[in-house]
C-alpha atoms as a PDB file:
ATOM      1  CA  MET A   1       0.000   0.000   0.000  1.00  0.00           C
ATOM      2  CA  VAL A   2       1.277   3.447  -0.895  1.00  0.00           C
ATOM      3  CA  GLY A   3       0.820   6.192   1.726  1.00  0.00           C
ATOM      4  CA  PHE A   4       0.644   9.867   0.742  1.00  0.00           C
ATOM      5  CA  PHE A   5       0.455  13.014   2.845  1.00  0.00           C
ATOM      6  CA  VAL A   6       1.154  16.682   2.324  1.00  0.00           C
ATOM      7  CA  ASP A   7       3.587  18.264   4.745  1.00  0.00           C
ATOM      8  CA  ALA A   8       2.096  21.519   6.025  1.00  0.00           C
ATOM      9  CA  ALA A   9       5.470  23.292   6.161  1.00  0.00           C
ATOM     10  CA  VAL A  10       5.670  25.981   3.486  1.00  0.00           C
ATOM     11  CA  ASP A  11       7.702  29.130   2.957  1.00  0.00           C
ATOM     12  CA  VAL A  12       5.512  32.194   3.492  1.00  0.00           C
ATOM     13  CA  ILE A  13       5.487  35.097   1.056  1.00  0.00           C
ATOM     14  CA  GLU A  14       2.781  37.089   2.842  1.00  0.00           C
ATOM     15  CA  ASP A  15       0.464  36.208   5.697  1.00  0.00           C
ATOM     16  CA  LYS A  16       0.254  32.702   7.058  1.00  0.00           C
ATOM     17  CA  PRO A  17      -0.706  30.192   4.340  1.00  0.00           C
ATOM     18  CA  GLN A  18      -3.486  27.700   4.815  1.00  0.00           C
ATOM     19  CA  THR A  19      -2.758  23.974   5.117  1.00  0.00           C
ATOM     20  CA  PRO A  20      -2.114  22.410   1.688  1.00  0.00           C
ATOM     21  CA  VAL A  21      -4.824  20.215   0.187  1.00  0.00           C
ATOM     22  CA  ALA A  22      -4.336  16.487  -0.540  1.00  0.00           C
ATOM     23  CA  THR A  23      -6.858  14.825  -2.861  1.00  0.00           C
ATOM     24  CA  ALA A  24      -7.264  11.190  -3.931  1.00  0.00           C
ATOM     25  CA  LYS A  25      -8.722  11.018  -7.451  1.00  0.00           C
ATOM     26  CA  ASP A  26     -10.979   8.287  -8.868  1.00  0.00           C
ATOM     27  CA  ASN A  27      -8.227   7.177 -11.291  1.00  0.00           C
ATOM     28  CA  GLY A  28      -5.808   6.431  -8.429  1.00  0.00           C
ATOM     29  CA  ASP A  29      -3.793   9.658  -8.703  1.00  0.00           C
ATOM     30  CA  VAL A  30      -3.108  11.654  -5.546  1.00  0.00           C
ATOM     31  CA  THR A  31      -2.492  15.393  -5.615  1.00  0.00           C
ATOM     32  CA  GLY A  32      -1.111  17.913  -3.151  1.00  0.00           C
ATOM     33  CA  LYS A  33      -1.376  21.658  -3.686  1.00  0.00           C
ATOM     34  CA  PRO A  34      -1.293  24.944  -1.794  1.00  0.00           C
ATOM     35  CA  GLN A  35      -4.750  26.416  -1.152  1.00  0.00           C
ATOM     36  CA  ASP A  36      -3.523  29.840  -2.262  1.00  0.00           C
ATOM     37  CA  PRO A  37      -0.411  29.588  -4.489  1.00  0.00           C
ATOM     38  CA  ALA A  38       0.004  33.381  -4.378  1.00  0.00           C
ATOM     39  CA  LYS A  39       0.905  33.197  -0.677  1.00  0.00           C
ATOM     40  CA  VAL A  40       3.622  30.509  -0.863  1.00  0.00           C
ATOM     41  CA  ASP A  41       6.721  29.794  -2.907  1.00  0.00           C
ATOM     42  CA  LYS A  42       7.354  26.187  -1.805  1.00  0.00           C
ATOM     43  CA  ILE A  43       5.350  23.024  -1.141  1.00  0.00           C
ATOM     44  CA  THR A  44       6.720  19.761   0.245  1.00  0.00           C
ATOM     45  CA  VAL A  45       4.939  16.450  -0.371  1.00  0.00           C
ATOM     46  CA  SER A  46       6.069  13.305   1.437  1.00  0.00           C
ATOM     47  CA  TYR A  47       4.847   9.795   0.716  1.00  0.00           C
ATOM     48  CA  THR A  48       5.810   6.144   0.961  1.00  0.00           C
ATOM     49  CA  GLY A  49       6.757   4.673  -2.407  1.00  0.00           C
ATOM     50  CA  GLU A  50       5.885   1.266  -3.799  1.00  0.00           C
ATOM     51  CA  ASP A  51       9.268   0.087  -2.487  1.00  0.00           C
ATOM     52  CA  ASP A  52       8.131   1.087   1.058  1.00  0.00           C
ATOM     53  CA  ALA A  53      10.828   3.789   1.177  1.00  0.00           C
ATOM     54  CA  PRO A  54       9.968   7.369   2.183  1.00  0.00           C
ATOM     55  CA  LYS A  55       9.967   9.879  -0.699  1.00  0.00           C
ATOM     56  CA  THR A  56       9.892  13.673  -0.654  1.00  0.00           C
ATOM     57  CA  VAL A  57       8.944  15.993  -3.496  1.00  0.00           C
ATOM     58  CA  VAL A  58       9.590  19.733  -3.298  1.00  0.00           C
ATOM     59  CA  GLY A  59       7.754  22.160  -5.560  1.00  0.00           C
ATOM     60  CA  THR A  60       9.277  25.641  -5.811  1.00  0.00           C
ATOM     61  CA  LYS A  61       7.921  28.786  -7.445  1.00  0.00           C
ATOM     62  CA  ARG A  62      10.555  30.413  -9.637  1.00  0.00           C
ATOM     63  CA  ASN A  63      10.533  34.166 -10.142  1.00  0.00           C
ATOM     64  CA  GLN A  64       7.227  34.332  -8.212  1.00  0.00           C
ATOM     65  CA  ARG A  65       5.416  32.903 -11.267  1.00  0.00           C
ATOM     66  CA  GLN A  66       6.198  29.401 -12.481  1.00  0.00           C
ATOM     67  CA  TRP A  67       6.304  26.244 -10.313  1.00  0.00           C
ATOM     68  CA  THR A  68       8.979  23.580 -10.794  1.00  0.00           C
ATOM     69  CA  VAL A  69       9.598  20.291  -9.009  1.00  0.00           C
ATOM     70  CA  ASN A  70      12.851  18.716  -7.770  1.00  0.00           C
ATOM     71  CA  ILE A  71      12.255  15.200  -9.131  1.00  0.00           C
ATOM     72  CA  GLN A  72      10.533  13.530 -12.057  1.00  0.00           C
ATOM     73  CA  MET A  73       6.922  14.176 -11.093  1.00  0.00           C
ATOM     74  CA  GLN A  74       4.056  16.135 -12.584  1.00  0.00           C
ATOM     75  CA  ILE A  75       3.484  19.685 -11.288  1.00  0.00           C
ATOM     76  CA  ASP A  76       1.059  22.311 -12.542  1.00  0.00           C
ATOM     77  CA  GLU A  77       3.277  25.290 -13.401  1.00  0.00           C
ATOM     78  CA  ASN A  78       0.524  27.770 -12.474  1.00  0.00           C
ATOM     79  CA  THR A  79      -0.975  26.332  -9.273  1.00  0.00           C
ATOM     80  CA  GLY A  80       1.849  24.275  -7.718  1.00  0.00           C
ATOM     81  CA  GLU A  81      -0.357  21.158  -7.675  1.00  0.00           C
ATOM     82  CA  ILE A  82       1.843  18.042  -7.533  1.00  0.00           C
ATOM     83  CA  THR A  83       0.388  14.794  -8.920  1.00  0.00           C
ATOM     84  CA  GLN A  84       1.538  11.299  -7.972  1.00  0.00           C
ATOM     85  CA  SER A  85       0.202   8.769 -10.435  1.00  0.00           C
ATOM     86  CA  LEU A  86      -0.175   5.405  -8.740  1.00  0.00           C
ATOM     87  CA  GLN A  87       0.295   2.284 -10.790  1.00  0.00           C
ATOM     88  CA  ILE A  88      -1.951  -0.631  -9.903  1.00  0.00           C
ATOM     89  CA  LYS A  89      -0.227  -3.998 -10.249  1.00  0.00           C
END
């Protein structure tokens, strides 16, 4: 079983950000995103991989506009939403 949670620690641009949102989709994907991307410039997502090892993904907003991610994972460049596609075996 793959576990997935969104770490609430974020870097604050202005005001205190709200807790990030984690969502399990019907297709098996799990997403984590900031509630208000304008108020943060970093999001950290931690999960347990299929190999039972802990994994951490860090999304960072570059130049206060475009989001990038530190590893090979899907991120929405505008919202900072990180998607983990789960493969069913």
